[in-house]
Amino acid sequence: MHLSAATDQALDSQLNAAIQYFQHNLKSGAYIHLNGFATDVHVYLQTARLTQSQASELLQGLQSIESTAGC
């Protein structure tokens, strides 16, 4: 999926922060960043920084992460 550098960096930063929290077994911190990721995706969709297809793909990936993590 091709995203602008700024969009990619913003979404990556949310996921990387969540990974750090998961690695330290701090699920509540990870959940905050996963929720931030979802919020960012919705904002980027509303502001045309993402297409509906891109947003759907990203949110499906988020659901997989949440399911794997037991969220």
PDB file of N, CA and C in Angstrom:
ATOM      1  N   MET A   1       0.847  -1.162   0.000  1.00  0.00           N
ATOM      2  CA  MET A   1       0.000   0.000   0.000  1.00  0.00           C
ATOM      3  C   MET A   1       0.900   1.235   0.000  1.00  0.00           C
ATOM      4  N   HIS A   2       0.585   2.155  -0.850  1.00  0.00           N
ATOM      5  CA  HIS A   2       1.380   3.389  -0.921  1.00  0.00           C
ATOM      6  C   HIS A   2       0.686   4.486  -0.120  1.00  0.00           C
ATOM      7  N   LEU A   3       1.408   5.008   0.875  1.00  0.00           N
ATOM      8  CA  LEU A   3       0.921   6.122   1.674  1.00  0.00           C
ATOM      9  C   LEU A   3       1.930   7.253   1.579  1.00  0.00           C
ATOM     10  N   SER A   4       1.473   8.465   1.816  1.00  0.00           N
ATOM     11  CA  SER A   4       2.432   9.575   1.859  1.00  0.00           C
ATOM     12  C   SER A   4       3.382   9.335   3.022  1.00  0.00           C
ATOM     13  N   ALA A   5       4.541   9.925   2.942  1.00  0.00           N
ATOM     14  CA  ALA A   5       5.548   9.730   3.985  1.00  0.00           C
ATOM     15  C   ALA A   5       5.028  10.188   5.345  1.00  0.00           C
ATOM     16  N   ALA A   6       4.330  11.308   5.388  1.00  0.00           N
ATOM     17  CA  ALA A   6       3.825  11.832   6.657  1.00  0.00           C
ATOM     18  C   ALA A   6       2.759  10.912   7.260  1.00  0.00           C
ATOM     19  N   THR A   7       1.863  10.415   6.432  1.00  0.00           N
ATOM     20  CA  THR A   7       0.819   9.504   6.910  1.00  0.00           C
ATOM     21  C   THR A   7       1.437   8.206   7.388  1.00  0.00           C
ATOM     22  N   ASP A   8       2.356   7.679   6.613  1.00  0.00           N
ATOM     23  CA  ASP A   8       3.037   6.445   6.974  1.00  0.00           C
ATOM     24  C   ASP A   8       3.774   6.597   8.304  1.00  0.00           C
ATOM     25  N   GLN A   9       4.485   7.689   8.459  1.00  0.00           N
ATOM     26  CA  GLN A   9       5.249   7.917   9.684  1.00  0.00           C
ATOM     27  C   GLN A   9       4.332   8.048  10.897  1.00  0.00           C
ATOM     28  N   ALA A  10       3.232   8.761  10.751  1.00  0.00           N
ATOM     29  CA  ALA A  10       2.303   8.943  11.872  1.00  0.00           C
ATOM     30  C   ALA A  10       1.688   7.617  12.301  1.00  0.00           C
ATOM     31  N   LEU A  11       1.269   6.816  11.335  1.00  0.00           N
ATOM     32  CA  LEU A  11       0.671   5.518  11.670  1.00  0.00           C
ATOM     33  C   LEU A  11       1.717   4.571  12.244  1.00  0.00           C
ATOM     34  N   ASP A  12       2.898   4.565  11.658  1.00  0.00           N
ATOM     35  CA  ASP A  12       3.981   3.716  12.179  1.00  0.00           C
ATOM     36  C   ASP A  12       4.332   4.076  13.614  1.00  0.00           C
ATOM     37  N   SER A  13       4.320   5.353  13.933  1.00  0.00           N
ATOM     38  CA  SER A  13       4.699   5.753  15.283  1.00  0.00           C
ATOM     39  C   SER A  13       3.702   5.225  16.314  1.00  0.00           C
ATOM     40  N   GLN A  14       2.424   5.204  15.966  1.00  0.00           N
ATOM     41  CA  GLN A  14       1.414   4.646  16.877  1.00  0.00           C
ATOM     42  C   GLN A  14       1.658   3.149  17.076  1.00  0.00           C
ATOM     43  N   LEU A  15       1.919   2.438  15.990  1.00  0.00           N
ATOM     44  CA  LEU A  15       2.133   0.986  16.089  1.00  0.00           C
ATOM     45  C   LEU A  15       3.441   0.662  16.806  1.00  0.00           C
ATOM     46  N   ASN A  16       4.489   1.415  16.524  1.00  0.00           N
ATOM     47  CA  ASN A  16       5.768   1.175  17.196  1.00  0.00           C
ATOM     48  C   ASN A  16       5.661   1.417  18.696  1.00  0.00           C
ATOM     49  N   ALA A  17       4.913   2.445  19.083  1.00  0.00           N
ATOM     50  CA  ALA A  17       4.715   2.704  20.510  1.00  0.00           C
ATOM     51  C   ALA A  17       3.936   1.552  21.151  1.00  0.00           C
ATOM     52  N   ALA A  18       2.915   1.058  20.464  1.00  0.00           N
ATOM     53  CA  ALA A  18       2.145  -0.068  20.994  1.00  0.00           C
ATOM     54  C   ALA A  18       3.041  -1.294  21.158  1.00  0.00           C
ATOM     55  N   ILE A  19       3.909  -1.553  20.205  1.00  0.00           N
ATOM     56  CA  ILE A  19       4.833  -2.688  20.296  1.00  0.00           C
ATOM     57  C   ILE A  19       5.711  -2.560  21.526  1.00  0.00           C
ATOM     58  N   GLN A  20       6.226  -1.357  21.766  1.00  0.00           N
ATOM     59  CA  GLN A  20       7.078  -1.141  22.936  1.00  0.00           C
ATOM     60  C   GLN A  20       6.324  -1.464  24.226  1.00  0.00           C
ATOM     61  N   TYR A  21       5.100  -1.025  24.312  1.00  0.00           N
ATOM     62  CA  TYR A  21       4.307  -1.322  25.508  1.00  0.00           C
ATOM     63  C   TYR A  21       4.037  -2.820  25.634  1.00  0.00           C
ATOM     64  N   PHE A  22       3.696  -3.473  24.537  1.00  0.00           N
ATOM     65  CA  PHE A  22       3.462  -4.923  24.591  1.00  0.00           C
ATOM     66  C   PHE A  22       4.729  -5.659  25.029  1.00  0.00           C
ATOM     67  N   GLN A  23       5.882  -5.225  24.544  1.00  0.00           N
ATOM     68  CA  GLN A  23       7.134  -5.886  24.902  1.00  0.00           C
ATOM     69  C   GLN A  23       7.438  -5.770  26.389  1.00  0.00           C
ATOM     70  N   HIS A  24       6.908  -4.740  27.019  1.00  0.00           N
ATOM     71  CA  HIS A  24       7.106  -4.556  28.457  1.00  0.00           C
ATOM     72  C   HIS A  24       5.876  -4.999  29.253  1.00  0.00           C
ATOM     73  N   ASN A  25       4.992  -5.748  28.583  1.00  0.00           N
ATOM     74  CA  ASN A  25       3.783  -6.293  29.196  1.00  0.00           C
ATOM     75  C   ASN A  25       2.908  -5.206  29.818  1.00  0.00           C
ATOM     76  N   LEU A  26       2.841  -4.073  29.161  1.00  0.00           N
ATOM     77  CA  LEU A  26       2.017  -2.955  29.618  1.00  0.00           C
ATOM     78  C   LEU A  26       0.870  -2.762  28.622  1.00  0.00           C
ATOM     79  N   LYS A  27      -0.098  -3.661  28.722  1.00  0.00           N
ATOM     80  CA  LYS A  27      -1.164  -3.685  27.729  1.00  0.00           C
ATOM     81  C   LYS A  27      -1.985  -2.401  27.688  1.00  0.00           C
ATOM     82  N   SER A  28      -2.215  -1.769  28.830  1.00  0.00           N
ATOM     83  CA  SER A  28      -3.041  -0.562  28.806  1.00  0.00           C
ATOM     84  C   SER A  28      -2.382   0.532  27.962  1.00  0.00           C
ATOM     85  N   GLY A  29      -1.073   0.669  28.049  1.00  0.00           N
ATOM     86  CA  GLY A  29      -0.367   1.631  27.208  1.00  0.00           C
ATOM     87  C   GLY A  29      -0.444   1.259  25.744  1.00  0.00           C
ATOM     88  N   ALA A  30      -0.344  -0.035  25.467  1.00  0.00           N
ATOM     89  CA  ALA A  30      -0.447  -0.496  24.081  1.00  0.00           C
ATOM     90  C   ALA A  30      -1.827  -0.198  23.517  1.00  0.00           C
ATOM     91  N   TYR A  31      -2.865  -0.425  24.325  1.00  0.00           N
ATOM     92  CA  TYR A  31      -4.231  -0.177  23.859  1.00  0.00           C
ATOM     93  C   TYR A  31      -4.450   1.288  23.526  1.00  0.00           C
ATOM     94  N   ILE A  32      -3.836   2.177  24.303  1.00  0.00           N
ATOM     95  CA  ILE A  32      -3.971   3.610  24.029  1.00  0.00           C
ATOM     96  C   ILE A  32      -3.435   3.919  22.630  1.00  0.00           C
ATOM     97  N   HIS A  33      -2.294   3.346  22.290  1.00  0.00           N
ATOM     98  CA  HIS A  33      -1.697   3.615  20.977  1.00  0.00           C
ATOM     99  C   HIS A  33      -2.452   2.911  19.855  1.00  0.00           C
ATOM    100  N   LEU A  34      -3.007   1.744  20.127  1.00  0.00           N
ATOM    101  CA  LEU A  34      -3.820   1.084  19.103  1.00  0.00           C
ATOM    102  C   LEU A  34      -5.088   1.894  18.847  1.00  0.00           C
ATOM    103  N   ASN A  35      -5.682   2.434  19.900  1.00  0.00           N
ATOM    104  CA  ASN A  35      -6.846   3.304  19.719  1.00  0.00           C
ATOM    105  C   ASN A  35      -6.458   4.575  18.973  1.00  0.00           C
ATOM    106  N   GLY A  36      -5.274   5.095  19.270  1.00  0.00           N
ATOM    107  CA  GLY A  36      -4.782   6.264  18.540  1.00  0.00           C
ATOM    108  C   GLY A  36      -4.595   5.971  17.069  1.00  0.00           C
ATOM    109  N   PHE A  37      -4.121   4.772  16.768  1.00  0.00           N
ATOM    110  CA  PHE A  37      -3.966   4.340  15.377  1.00  0.00           C
ATOM    111  C   PHE A  37      -5.321   4.355  14.681  1.00  0.00           C
ATOM    112  N   ALA A  38      -6.325   3.766  15.324  1.00  0.00           N
ATOM    113  CA  ALA A  38      -7.666   3.713  14.730  1.00  0.00           C
ATOM    114  C   ALA A  38      -8.219   5.122  14.526  1.00  0.00           C
ATOM    115  N   THR A  39      -8.023   5.984  15.505  1.00  0.00           N
ATOM    116  CA  THR A  39      -8.486   7.366  15.387  1.00  0.00           C
ATOM    117  C   THR A  39      -7.797   8.061  14.224  1.00  0.00           C
ATOM    118  N   ASP A  40      -6.482   7.885  14.131  1.00  0.00           N
ATOM    119  CA  ASP A  40      -5.738   8.487  13.019  1.00  0.00           C
ATOM    120  C   ASP A  40      -6.247   8.002  11.673  1.00  0.00           C
ATOM    121  N   VAL A  41      -6.509   6.703  11.563  1.00  0.00           N
ATOM    122  CA  VAL A  41      -7.013   6.160  10.300  1.00  0.00           C
ATOM    123  C   VAL A  41      -8.339   6.832   9.934  1.00  0.00           C
ATOM    124  N   HIS A  42      -9.226   6.975  10.898  1.00  0.00           N
ATOM    125  CA  HIS A  42     -10.524   7.606  10.614  1.00  0.00           C
ATOM    126  C   HIS A  42     -10.355   9.086  10.228  1.00  0.00           C
ATOM    127  N   VAL A  43      -9.478   9.786  10.905  1.00  0.00           N
ATOM    128  CA  VAL A  43      -9.222  11.196  10.568  1.00  0.00           C
ATOM    129  C   VAL A  43      -8.629  11.300   9.172  1.00  0.00           C
ATOM    130  N   TYR A  44      -7.669  10.443   8.860  1.00  0.00           N
ATOM    131  CA  TYR A  44      -7.034  10.483   7.543  1.00  0.00           C
ATOM    132  C   TYR A  44      -8.017  10.121   6.435  1.00  0.00           C
ATOM    133  N   LEU A  45      -8.961   9.256   6.737  1.00  0.00           N
ATOM    134  CA  LEU A  45     -10.003   8.935   5.754  1.00  0.00           C
ATOM    135  C   LEU A  45     -10.891  10.161   5.525  1.00  0.00           C
ATOM    136  N   GLN A  46     -11.297  10.815   6.601  1.00  0.00           N
ATOM    137  CA  GLN A  46     -12.170  11.981   6.490  1.00  0.00           C
ATOM    138  C   GLN A  46     -11.490  13.158   5.793  1.00  0.00           C
ATOM    139  N   THR A  47     -10.176  13.231   5.897  1.00  0.00           N
ATOM    140  CA  THR A  47      -9.441  14.335   5.283  1.00  0.00           C
ATOM    141  C   THR A  47      -8.789  13.939   3.956  1.00  0.00           C
ATOM    142  N   ALA A  48      -9.186  12.800   3.430  1.00  0.00           N
ATOM    143  CA  ALA A  48      -8.743  12.310   2.115  1.00  0.00           C
ATOM    144  C   ALA A  48      -7.247  11.999   2.053  1.00  0.00           C
ATOM    145  N   ARG A  49      -6.638  11.739   3.206  1.00  0.00           N
ATOM    146  CA  ARG A  49      -5.243  11.283   3.194  1.00  0.00           C
ATOM    147  C   ARG A  49      -5.179   9.777   2.986  1.00  0.00           C
ATOM    148  N   LEU A  50      -6.316   9.103   3.173  1.00  0.00           N
ATOM    149  CA  LEU A  50      -6.454   7.666   2.901  1.00  0.00           C
ATOM    150  C   LEU A  50      -7.710   7.451   2.077  1.00  0.00           C
ATOM    151  N   THR A  51      -7.674   6.430   1.239  1.00  0.00           N
ATOM    152  CA  THR A  51      -8.881   6.013   0.534  1.00  0.00           C
ATOM    153  C   THR A  51      -9.672   5.082   1.443  1.00  0.00           C
ATOM    154  N   GLN A  52     -10.910   4.825   1.085  1.00  0.00           N
ATOM    155  CA  GLN A  52     -11.731   3.887   1.862  1.00  0.00           C
ATOM    156  C   GLN A  52     -11.083   2.506   1.876  1.00  0.00           C
ATOM    157  N   SER A  53     -10.540   2.101   0.759  1.00  0.00           N
ATOM    158  CA  SER A  53      -9.878   0.805   0.662  1.00  0.00           C
ATOM    159  C   SER A  53      -8.666   0.727   1.591  1.00  0.00           C
ATOM    160  N   GLN A  54      -7.855   1.771   1.598  1.00  0.00           N
ATOM    161  CA  GLN A  54      -6.678   1.797   2.478  1.00  0.00           C
ATOM    162  C   GLN A  54      -7.096   1.769   3.942  1.00  0.00           C
ATOM    163  N   ALA A  55      -8.092   2.581   4.286  1.00  0.00           N
ATOM    164  CA  ALA A  55      -8.561   2.627   5.671  1.00  0.00           C
ATOM    165  C   ALA A  55      -9.095   1.265   6.095  1.00  0.00           C
ATOM    166  N   SER A  56      -9.861   0.625   5.236  1.00  0.00           N
ATOM    167  CA  SER A  56     -10.409  -0.695   5.559  1.00  0.00           C
ATOM    168  C   SER A  56      -9.298  -1.713   5.779  1.00  0.00           C
ATOM    169  N   GLU A  57      -8.303  -1.690   4.919  1.00  0.00           N
ATOM    170  CA  GLU A  57      -7.183  -2.625   5.048  1.00  0.00           C
ATOM    171  C   GLU A  57      -6.425  -2.389   6.355  1.00  0.00           C
ATOM    172  N   LEU A  58      -6.188  -1.135   6.685  1.00  0.00           N
ATOM    173  CA  LEU A  58      -5.475  -0.819   7.921  1.00  0.00           C
ATOM    174  C   LEU A  58      -6.285  -1.221   9.148  1.00  0.00           C
ATOM    175  N   LEU A  59      -7.585  -0.985   9.133  1.00  0.00           N
ATOM    176  CA  LEU A  59      -8.419  -1.334  10.281  1.00  0.00           C
ATOM    177  C   LEU A  59      -8.576  -2.849  10.422  1.00  0.00           C
ATOM    178  N   GLN A  60      -8.582  -3.566   9.308  1.00  0.00           N
ATOM    179  CA  GLN A  60      -8.611  -5.030   9.380  1.00  0.00           C
ATOM    180  C   GLN A  60      -7.324  -5.553   9.993  1.00  0.00           C
ATOM    181  N   GLY A  61      -6.203  -4.952   9.624  1.00  0.00           N
ATOM    182  CA  GLY A  61      -4.927  -5.330  10.225  1.00  0.00           C
ATOM    183  C   GLY A  61      -4.919  -5.045  11.714  1.00  0.00           C
ATOM    184  N   LEU A  62      -5.486  -3.920  12.101  1.00  0.00           N
ATOM    185  CA  LEU A  62      -5.579  -3.567  13.517  1.00  0.00           C
ATOM    186  C   LEU A  62      -6.413  -4.593  14.267  1.00  0.00           C
ATOM    187  N   GLN A  63      -7.512  -5.029  13.688  1.00  0.00           N
ATOM    188  CA  GLN A  63      -8.358  -6.046  14.330  1.00  0.00           C
ATOM    189  C   GLN A  63      -7.586  -7.341  14.532  1.00  0.00           C
ATOM    190  N   SER A  64      -6.749  -7.691  13.572  1.00  0.00           N
ATOM    191  CA  SER A  64      -5.917  -8.901  13.711  1.00  0.00           C
ATOM    192  C   SER A  64      -4.927  -8.758  14.856  1.00  0.00           C
ATOM    193  N   ILE A  65      -4.312  -7.579  14.962  1.00  0.00           N
ATOM    194  CA  ILE A  65      -3.372  -7.329  16.062  1.00  0.00           C
ATOM    195  C   ILE A  65      -4.098  -7.420  17.391  1.00  0.00           C
ATOM    196  N   GLU A  66      -5.247  -6.782  17.485  1.00  0.00           N
ATOM    197  CA  GLU A  66      -6.012  -6.788  18.730  1.00  0.00           C
ATOM    198  C   GLU A  66      -6.442  -8.195  19.110  1.00  0.00           C
ATOM    199  N   SER A  67      -6.846  -8.975  18.132  1.00  0.00           N
ATOM    200  CA  SER A  67      -7.253 -10.347  18.393  1.00  0.00           C
ATOM    201  C   SER A  67      -6.088 -11.188  18.879  1.00  0.00           C
ATOM    202  N   THR A  68      -4.940 -11.047  18.237  1.00  0.00           N
ATOM    203  CA  THR A  68      -3.747 -11.780  18.632  1.00  0.00           C
ATOM    204  C   THR A  68      -3.293 -11.396  20.034  1.00  0.00           C
ATOM    205  N   ALA A  69      -3.415 -10.111  20.352  1.00  0.00           N
ATOM    206  CA  ALA A  69      -2.978  -9.610  21.656  1.00  0.00           C
ATOM    207  C   ALA A  69      -3.990  -9.872  22.768  1.00  0.00           C
ATOM    208  N   GLY A  70      -5.167 -10.333  22.384  1.00  0.00           N
ATOM    209  CA  GLY A  70      -6.206 -10.601  23.381  1.00  0.00           C
ATOM    210  C   GLY A  70      -6.888  -9.347  23.880  1.00  0.00           C
ATOM    211  N   CYS A  71      -6.975  -8.355  23.016  1.00  0.00           N
ATOM    212  CA  CYS A  71      -7.603  -7.087  23.391  1.00  0.00           C
ATOM    213  C   CYS A  71      -9.118  -7.234  23.470  1.00  0.00           C
TER     214      CYS A  71
END
